[in-house]
Structures are given as C-alpha cells and as structure tokens.
C-alpha cells in the first residue's frame, strides 16, 4: 500500500501516530514523519489511522490489493 499525507492539511493531532506508530511518528511538536510504502502487516493500522484523521489528510493507494481481471477468451 502506498500512502501520502497532505502535510498542508495535517494539523498535528497525532491520531495516526497513536494508531499506527510503526508507520507515523511526530517529530517535535508539529512535523509528521511517515513511511510512504507499508507492508501487508501494517494495512489495518494504517486504514484505522486514515479513518481517524480529523482533517482527512491521509490518502491511501491500495492498487496492489486489487485482484487482476481474468483474461477472457481471445479471438473469435
């Protein structure tokens, strides 16, 4: 899962750091540090953190979780 935080929107409430401390950390009082790629084991905490963000600053790209479409018959 790829993750992006809109740092212009982030207000430093630190809910994400509380819910997914292996991915999000607060540096001093205002700066948020985060991993832009997270493994499968972190998906649930990251989704909870994104849902808990009061300003919805956390964006998730879960393209890697989609099941590829089965190829249909070729030709005619």
Protein backbone atom coordinates (compact mmCIF):
# COMPACT_ATOMS: atom_id res chain seq x y z
CA UNK A 1 0.00 0.00 0.00
CA UNK A 2 1.26 3.43 -0.91
CA UNK A 3 0.48 6.25 1.45
CA UNK A 4 0.52 10.02 1.08
CA UNK A 5 -0.11 12.61 3.78
CA UNK A 6 -1.23 16.08 2.73
CA UNK A 7 1.09 18.00 5.04
CA UNK A 8 -0.69 21.26 4.21
CA UNK A 9 -3.89 19.80 5.61
CA UNK A 10 -2.30 17.94 8.57
CA UNK A 11 -2.81 19.78 11.86
CA UNK A 12 -0.60 17.55 14.03
CA UNK A 13 -3.37 15.88 16.05
CA UNK A 14 -1.18 12.71 16.04
CA UNK A 15 -4.05 10.24 15.92
CA UNK A 16 -2.17 8.42 13.17
CA UNK A 17 0.98 8.15 15.30
CA UNK A 18 -1.10 6.70 18.13
CA UNK A 19 -2.90 4.13 15.92
CA UNK A 20 0.00 3.14 13.64
CA UNK A 21 3.23 4.02 15.47
CA UNK A 22 5.38 1.86 13.18
CA UNK A 23 4.34 3.99 10.20
CA UNK A 24 3.71 7.51 11.60
CA UNK A 25 5.80 9.45 14.10
CA UNK A 26 5.69 13.01 15.31
CA UNK A 27 8.99 14.87 15.17
CA UNK A 28 8.94 17.55 17.85
CA UNK A 29 5.56 19.28 18.16
CA UNK A 30 4.45 19.76 14.57
CA UNK A 31 6.34 17.69 12.00
CA UNK A 32 4.90 14.35 10.94
CA UNK A 33 7.22 11.68 9.58
CA UNK A 34 5.77 8.65 7.82
CA UNK A 35 6.65 5.67 5.65
CA UNK A 36 5.35 6.14 2.11
CA UNK A 37 5.15 2.37 1.49
CA UNK A 38 3.72 -0.04 4.03
CA UNK A 39 3.65 -3.81 4.09
CA UNK A 40 0.62 -6.05 4.40
CA UNK A 41 1.06 -6.32 8.19
CA UNK A 42 0.52 -2.55 8.53
CA UNK A 43 -2.56 -2.23 6.31
CA UNK A 44 -5.14 -2.47 9.10
CA UNK A 45 -3.47 0.04 11.47
CA UNK A 46 -2.90 2.47 8.58
CA UNK A 47 -6.52 2.24 7.45
CA UNK A 48 -7.64 2.92 11.03
CA UNK A 49 -5.27 5.87 11.24
CA UNK A 50 -6.59 7.30 7.96
CA UNK A 51 -10.19 6.94 9.16
CA UNK A 52 -9.34 8.60 12.49
CA UNK A 53 -7.60 11.63 10.99
CA UNK A 54 -9.79 14.63 11.95
CA UNK A 55 -8.83 16.54 8.79
CA UNK A 56 -8.64 13.52 6.43
CA UNK A 57 -5.04 14.30 5.47
CA UNK A 58 -4.04 10.65 4.88
CA UNK A 59 -4.52 9.29 1.36
CA UNK A 60 -4.18 5.57 0.64
CA UNK A 61 -3.42 3.94 -2.69
CA UNK A 62 -4.35 0.29 -2.49
CA UNK A 63 -3.82 -0.65 -6.13
CA UNK A 64 -1.62 -3.55 -5.08
CA UNK A 65 -4.60 -5.12 -3.28
CA UNK A 66 -6.81 -5.36 -6.35
CA UNK A 67 -7.31 -8.74 -7.92
CA UNK A 68 -6.30 -8.71 -11.57
CA UNK A 69 -9.09 -9.43 -14.01
CA UNK A 70 -9.04 -12.85 -15.58
CA UNK A 71 -8.17 -12.80 -19.22
CA UNK A 72 -11.14 -13.69 -21.39
CA UNK A 73 -11.05 -15.89 -24.49
CA UNK A 74 -9.07 -14.44 -27.34
CA UNK A 75 -10.02 -14.37 -30.93
CA UNK A 76 -13.42 -15.01 -32.31
